[in-house]
Amino acid sequence: MAAMNDDTPAQADLATRIDVTNDLLRRMLAEVAKTPSTHAIFVDAGYLYAAAGRLVAGTEDRRAFDLDAEGIIDALIDKARTIFADSRLLRVYWYDGARRRIHTTEQQSIAELPDVKVRLGNLNANNQQKGVDSLIRSDLESLARHRAISDAALLGGDEDLVSAVEAAQGYGARVHLWGIEAPEGRNQAEPLLWEVDSQRTLDLEFVKPYVSRRTTASYENADQPRPGRDQVRFVGAQIAAHWLGERGTEALVQLLPGYPYLPGSDDQKLLVEAEEMLQYSLRGQADLRRALRDGFWSHLQAQY
């Protein structure tokens, strides 16, 4: 009996420490439950240009077509919002190649976009990207390791990305592979398809609004004065007024929660209509594109 009495204080102390530990775990789990899920989009621009060009323009040669990078980035963000409905966007990572890693004019415009981070590898003498896959792996692994993301949407197709997928998954992140429809066969490596947590294909209807052959360009800006931001904002507001007159308040209520992003189809229509009214191409004009959207949204929000 004496031995049992001697053990009682030790048992009580152990029970107290267990209670404290359990309380700490409960509080940690409650904090985790309140933390929103976060996703990021990783775009291998080399794959995007090649696959989209082949699908829409019939060529992978970037010199033969224009890709509306800003428009397709917004469409990807909108697509991710519908897939990861209870998650917030961290940012879009845009991986491309450049001579000596010096941004081109187009890459500078993309880098200025909100929620977009441009990461550059090198271009060799044959215009092939070098170092892009390692950049993707580094970012994926780092973000997953620090619990900065729970889900990664990866738009790419190279087998070398398998190690990036495995690294992110090793830290608990889920990796979702997005691809672009191939006219024939596949444009993504099978080992990559095997490793990811889910797969999704962006079809011709999704991609087509953002790719156009350069021989069919509607506007050339060489001899045209560049419109001011206020002028472009006013055009955006005019288009918004027309949009609201056609769609009505019910469509407005459905659109507003997506602010500041427009669905891809609406964003492309906004761009085309604005270019027609201005007789000026807004492709690659990041500041004017933002002014256009600002004018569009400002008018709609004022009407609600």
Protein backbone atom coordinates (compact mmCIF):
# COMPACT_ATOMS: atom_id res chain seq x y z
CA MET A 1 0.00 0.00 0.00
CA ALA A 2 2.88 2.32 0.87
CA ALA A 3 4.42 1.80 -2.60
CA MET A 4 1.11 2.61 -4.27
CA ASN A 5 0.81 5.82 -2.21
CA ASP A 6 4.38 6.83 -3.22
CA ASP A 7 3.46 6.48 -6.91
CA THR A 8 0.33 8.59 -6.66
CA PRO A 9 2.04 12.03 -6.87
CA ALA A 10 4.08 10.90 -9.88
CA GLN A 11 0.96 9.59 -11.61
CA ALA A 12 -0.87 12.82 -10.85
CA ASP A 13 2.02 14.84 -12.27
CA LEU A 14 2.05 12.68 -15.41
CA ALA A 15 -1.72 13.08 -15.82
CA THR A 16 -1.34 16.86 -15.48
CA ARG A 17 1.35 16.97 -18.16
CA ILE A 18 -0.79 14.83 -20.47
CA ASP A 19 -3.71 17.23 -19.99
CA VAL A 20 -1.47 20.20 -20.80
CA THR A 21 -0.16 18.47 -23.92
CA ASN A 22 -3.66 17.53 -25.07
CA ASP A 23 -4.84 21.11 -24.56
CA LEU A 24 -1.91 22.39 -26.61
CA LEU A 25 -2.71 19.94 -29.40
CA ARG A 26 -6.38 20.97 -29.39
CA ARG A 27 -5.42 24.61 -29.72
CA MET A 28 -2.97 23.84 -32.53
CA LEU A 29 -5.58 21.84 -34.42
CA ALA A 30 -8.13 24.62 -33.95
CA GLU A 31 -5.63 27.14 -35.35
CA VAL A 32 -4.87 24.90 -38.33
CA ALA A 33 -8.59 24.50 -39.00
CA LYS A 34 -8.95 28.31 -39.19
CA THR A 35 -6.04 28.68 -41.62
CA PRO A 36 -7.34 28.87 -45.22
CA SER A 37 -5.96 26.55 -47.86
CA THR A 38 -3.63 28.21 -50.34
CA HIS A 39 -2.84 27.31 -53.94
CA ALA A 40 -0.34 28.54 -56.51
CA ILE A 41 -0.15 28.17 -60.28
CA PHE A 42 3.14 27.19 -61.92
CA VAL A 43 3.35 27.86 -65.66
CA ASP A 44 6.12 26.50 -67.87
CA ALA A 45 5.84 29.20 -70.54
CA GLY A 46 7.86 27.15 -73.03
CA TYR A 47 5.28 24.37 -72.84
CA LEU A 48 2.38 26.83 -72.93
CA TYR A 49 3.60 28.64 -76.05
CA ALA A 50 4.48 25.42 -77.88
CA ALA A 51 1.27 23.56 -77.02
CA ALA A 52 -1.08 26.53 -77.50
CA GLY A 53 0.62 27.53 -80.75
CA ARG A 54 0.41 24.00 -82.11
CA LEU A 55 -3.26 23.66 -81.13
CA VAL A 56 -4.51 27.03 -82.41
CA ALA A 57 -2.01 28.29 -84.98
CA GLY A 58 -0.59 24.98 -86.16
CA THR A 59 2.98 25.91 -85.24
CA GLU A 60 5.25 26.03 -82.20
CA ASP A 61 7.27 28.96 -83.61
CA ARG A 62 6.64 31.94 -81.32
CA ARG A 63 7.42 34.31 -84.19
CA ALA A 64 4.35 33.09 -86.08
CA PHE A 65 1.68 33.94 -83.52
CA ASP A 66 0.81 36.20 -80.60
CA LEU A 67 -0.16 34.84 -77.22
CA ASP A 68 -2.14 37.12 -74.93
CA ALA A 69 -0.21 36.18 -71.79
CA GLU A 70 -2.13 38.53 -69.52
CA GLY A 71 -5.45 37.20 -70.72
CA ILE A 72 -4.53 33.56 -70.35
CA ILE A 73 -3.03 34.16 -66.90
CA ASP A 74 -6.33 35.66 -65.77
CA ALA A 75 -8.16 32.70 -67.30
CA LEU A 76 -5.91 30.29 -65.39
CA ILE A 77 -6.55 32.18 -62.16
CA ASP A 78 -10.27 32.01 -62.81
CA LYS A 79 -10.06 28.28 -63.57
CA ALA A 80 -8.15 27.65 -60.34
CA ARG A 81 -10.74 29.62 -58.37
CA THR A 82 -13.47 27.25 -59.51
CA ILE A 83 -11.38 24.13 -58.81
CA PHE A 84 -9.97 25.22 -55.45
CA ALA A 85 -13.17 26.86 -54.27
CA ASP A 86 -12.22 27.10 -50.57
CA SER A 87 -8.63 28.17 -51.20
CA ARG A 88 -6.89 31.49 -51.77
CA LEU A 89 -4.35 32.19 -54.52
CA LEU A 90 -0.78 32.78 -53.39
CA ARG A 91 0.47 33.83 -56.83
CA VAL A 92 1.15 32.69 -60.40
CA TYR A 93 4.73 31.64 -61.14
CA TRP A 94 5.67 32.19 -64.79
CA TYR A 95 8.81 30.35 -65.95
CA ASP A 96 10.42 31.32 -69.23
CA GLY A 97 13.84 31.58 -70.87
CA ALA A 98 15.77 34.69 -71.91
CA ARG A 99 19.23 35.49 -73.19
CA ARG A 100 21.48 36.02 -70.18
CA ARG A 101 18.29 36.00 -68.10
CA ILE A 102 17.47 39.56 -69.21
CA HIS A 103 13.73 40.21 -69.43
CA THR A 104 12.24 40.84 -72.85
CA THR A 105 9.65 43.59 -73.24
CA GLU A 106 6.88 40.99 -73.07
CA GLN A 107 8.36 39.38 -69.97
CA GLN A 108 8.62 42.79 -68.32
CA SER A 109 4.91 43.37 -68.98
CA ILE A 110 4.06 39.99 -67.49
CA ALA A 111 6.25 40.68 -64.44
CA GLU A 112 4.27 43.88 -63.79
CA LEU A 113 0.98 42.00 -63.52
CA PRO A 114 -0.52 41.63 -60.03
CA ASP A 115 -0.09 38.22 -58.37
CA VAL A 116 2.50 37.13 -60.96
CA LYS A 117 6.16 36.24 -60.37
CA VAL A 118 8.37 35.82 -63.45
CA ARG A 119 11.31 33.43 -63.09
CA LEU A 120 13.82 33.21 -65.94
CA GLY A 121 16.13 30.47 -67.09
CA ASN A 122 18.59 30.80 -69.94
CA LEU A 123 18.12 30.40 -73.68
CA ASN A 124 20.83 28.52 -75.56
CA ALA A 125 21.91 29.09 -79.18
CA ASN A 126 19.01 26.92 -80.39
CA ASN A 127 16.44 28.95 -78.40
CA GLN A 128 15.98 26.07 -75.96
CA GLN A 129 15.22 26.79 -72.32
CA LYS A 130 17.85 25.82 -69.77
CA GLY A 131 17.40 25.81 -66.01
CA VAL A 132 13.62 26.30 -66.00
CA ASP A 133 12.84 22.84 -64.58
CA SER A 134 15.24 23.37 -61.69
CA LEU A 135 13.58 26.72 -60.91
CA ILE A 136 10.17 25.05 -60.81
CA ARG A 137 11.47 22.32 -58.51
CA SER A 138 13.11 24.84 -56.19
CA ASP A 139 9.94 26.92 -55.84
CA LEU A 140 7.59 23.95 -55.51
CA GLU A 141 9.75 22.28 -52.88
CA SER A 142 10.33 25.46 -50.89
CA LEU A 143 6.67 26.48 -50.81
CA ALA A 144 5.55 22.98 -49.85
CA ARG A 145 8.24 22.65 -47.16
CA HIS A 146 7.18 25.93 -45.53
CA ARG A 147 3.48 25.01 -45.79
CA ALA A 148 2.91 28.09 -47.95
CA ILE A 149 0.68 26.09 -50.32
CA SER A 150 -1.59 23.10 -49.99
CA ASP A 151 -2.21 22.67 -53.72
CA ALA A 152 -0.11 23.38 -56.81
CA ALA A 153 -1.52 23.63 -60.33
CA LEU A 154 1.36 22.82 -62.68
CA LEU A 155 1.01 23.66 -66.37
CA GLY A 156 3.78 21.77 -68.12
CA GLY A 157 4.69 18.51 -69.76
CA ASP A 158 8.43 17.79 -69.39
CA GLU A 159 9.49 14.53 -67.74
CA ASP A 160 12.15 16.50 -65.85
CA LEU A 161 9.32 17.96 -63.74
CA VAL A 162 8.76 14.57 -62.06
CA SER A 163 11.37 15.37 -59.40
CA ALA A 164 9.65 18.69 -58.68
CA VAL A 165 6.33 16.91 -58.19
CA GLU A 166 7.88 14.31 -55.90
CA ALA A 167 9.63 16.97 -53.84
CA ALA A 168 6.42 18.93 -53.24
CA GLN A 169 4.41 15.81 -52.47
CA GLY A 170 7.07 14.76 -49.96
CA TYR A 171 6.10 17.78 -47.86
CA GLY A 172 2.37 17.11 -48.10
CA ALA A 173 1.34 19.36 -50.99
CA ARG A 174 -0.96 18.03 -53.69
CA VAL A 175 0.18 18.63 -57.28
CA HIS A 176 -2.40 18.91 -60.06
CA LEU A 177 -1.10 18.69 -63.62
CA TRP A 178 -2.74 20.91 -66.21
CA GLY A 179 -2.10 20.38 -69.89
CA ILE A 180 -3.19 21.81 -73.22
CA GLU A 181 -5.10 19.65 -75.67
CA ALA A 182 -2.81 18.06 -78.23
CA PRO A 183 -4.02 17.92 -81.87
CA GLU A 184 -2.75 14.35 -81.94
CA GLY A 185 -1.01 12.07 -79.47
CA ARG A 186 0.22 13.54 -76.19
CA ASN A 187 2.29 16.58 -75.32
CA GLN A 188 3.01 15.56 -71.71
CA ALA A 189 5.41 12.84 -70.54
CA GLU A 190 3.77 9.70 -69.20
CA PRO A 191 6.00 9.50 -66.07
CA LEU A 192 4.78 12.99 -65.16
CA LEU A 193 1.17 11.94 -65.63
CA TRP A 194 1.74 8.97 -63.34
CA GLU A 195 3.15 11.00 -60.46
CA VAL A 196 0.64 13.83 -60.05
CA ASP A 197 -2.45 13.84 -57.86
CA SER A 198 -4.86 14.84 -60.63
CA GLN A 199 -4.86 15.78 -64.32
CA ARG A 200 -6.84 18.35 -66.28
CA THR A 201 -6.76 19.28 -69.98
CA LEU A 202 -7.42 22.81 -71.26
CA ASP A 203 -9.19 22.41 -74.58
CA LEU A 204 -9.27 24.45 -77.77
CA GLU A 205 -12.25 26.50 -76.58
CA PHE A 206 -10.30 27.59 -73.51
CA VAL A 207 -7.05 28.43 -75.31
CA LYS A 208 -8.25 29.84 -78.65
CA PRO A 209 -9.22 33.37 -77.48
CA TYR A 210 -5.63 34.04 -76.43
CA VAL A 211 -3.72 32.92 -79.52
CA SER A 212 -3.72 34.65 -82.90
CA ARG A 213 -1.54 34.43 -85.99
CA ARG A 214 0.51 37.56 -86.49
CA THR A 215 -0.55 37.79 -90.14
CA THR A 216 -4.10 38.49 -88.94
CA ALA A 217 -3.25 41.16 -86.41
CA SER A 218 -6.00 43.78 -86.32
CA TYR A 219 -4.02 46.82 -85.24
CA GLU A 220 -0.49 48.11 -85.60
CA ASN A 221 0.60 50.76 -83.12
CA ALA A 222 3.64 52.14 -84.96
CA ASP A 223 1.82 55.22 -86.30
CA GLN A 224 -0.83 55.48 -83.60
CA PRO A 225 -0.56 57.80 -80.57
CA ARG A 226 -0.65 55.84 -77.33
CA PRO A 227 -3.90 56.49 -75.46
CA GLY A 228 -3.70 57.76 -71.89
CA ARG A 229 -4.79 55.74 -68.86
CA ASP A 230 -7.80 58.00 -68.25
CA GLN A 231 -8.96 57.52 -71.83
CA VAL A 232 -8.68 53.75 -71.52
CA ARG A 233 -10.48 53.79 -68.13
CA PHE A 234 -13.32 55.72 -69.75
CA VAL A 235 -13.56 53.14 -72.52
CA GLY A 236 -13.67 50.39 -69.88
CA ALA A 237 -16.57 52.17 -68.17
CA GLN A 238 -18.42 52.54 -71.47
CA ILE A 239 -18.07 48.83 -72.16
CA ALA A 240 -19.25 48.07 -68.61
CA ALA A 241 -22.37 50.18 -69.13
CA HIS A 242 -23.11 48.27 -72.33
CA TRP A 243 -22.39 44.95 -70.57
CA LEU A 244 -24.77 45.78 -67.74
CA GLY A 245 -27.49 46.86 -70.16
CA GLU A 246 -27.24 43.51 -71.95
CA ARG A 247 -26.75 41.19 -68.97
CA GLY A 248 -28.70 42.88 -66.20
CA THR A 249 -28.23 43.05 -62.42
CA GLU A 250 -28.50 39.29 -61.94
CA ALA A 251 -25.35 38.74 -63.98
CA LEU A 252 -23.71 41.61 -62.09
CA VAL A 253 -24.37 39.92 -58.74
CA GLN A 254 -22.74 36.75 -60.04
CA LEU A 255 -19.73 38.64 -61.41
CA LEU A 256 -18.86 40.83 -58.41
CA PRO A 257 -17.50 38.09 -56.07
CA GLY A 258 -14.73 37.43 -58.60
CA TYR A 259 -13.29 40.96 -58.31
CA PRO A 260 -10.64 41.93 -59.40
CA TYR A 261 -10.53 39.06 -61.92
CA LEU A 262 -12.87 38.64 -64.88
CA PRO A 263 -13.77 35.25 -66.34
CA GLY A 264 -11.51 34.53 -69.30
CA SER A 265 -14.22 34.89 -71.95
CA ASP A 266 -15.45 38.22 -70.54
CA ASP A 267 -11.91 39.55 -70.21
CA GLN A 268 -11.13 38.69 -73.81
CA LYS A 269 -14.34 40.38 -75.04
CA LEU A 270 -13.45 43.46 -73.00
CA LEU A 271 -10.03 43.59 -74.66
CA VAL A 272 -11.38 43.14 -78.19
CA GLU A 273 -14.12 45.76 -77.77
CA ALA A 274 -11.68 48.25 -76.27
CA GLU A 275 -9.22 47.78 -79.12
CA GLU A 276 -12.01 48.36 -81.63
CA MET A 277 -13.07 51.58 -79.89
CA LEU A 278 -9.50 52.84 -79.48
CA GLN A 279 -8.21 51.52 -82.81
CA TYR A 280 -5.13 50.59 -80.82
CA SER A 281 -3.69 47.25 -79.72
CA LEU A 282 -3.48 46.73 -75.97
CA ARG A 283 -1.49 43.49 -76.31
CA GLY A 284 1.60 43.71 -74.16
CA GLN A 285 0.42 47.03 -72.66
CA ALA A 286 0.10 45.91 -69.03
CA ASP A 287 -0.61 49.36 -67.56
CA LEU A 288 -3.33 50.12 -70.11
CA ARG A 289 -4.90 46.69 -69.64
CA ARG A 290 -5.11 47.38 -65.90
CA ALA A 291 -6.63 50.80 -66.57
CA LEU A 292 -9.21 49.17 -68.84
CA ARG A 293 -10.23 46.68 -66.15
CA ASP A 294 -10.24 49.41 -63.50
CA GLY A 295 -12.70 51.44 -65.56
CA PHE A 296 -14.87 48.39 -66.19
CA TRP A 297 -15.01 47.35 -62.54
CA SER A 298 -15.42 50.90 -61.18
CA HIS A 299 -18.52 51.45 -63.27
CA LEU A 300 -20.08 48.13 -62.28
CA GLN A 301 -19.35 48.59 -58.59
CA ALA A 302 -20.87 52.06 -58.67
CA GLN A 303 -24.11 50.57 -60.02
CA TYR A 304 -24.44 47.91 -57.31
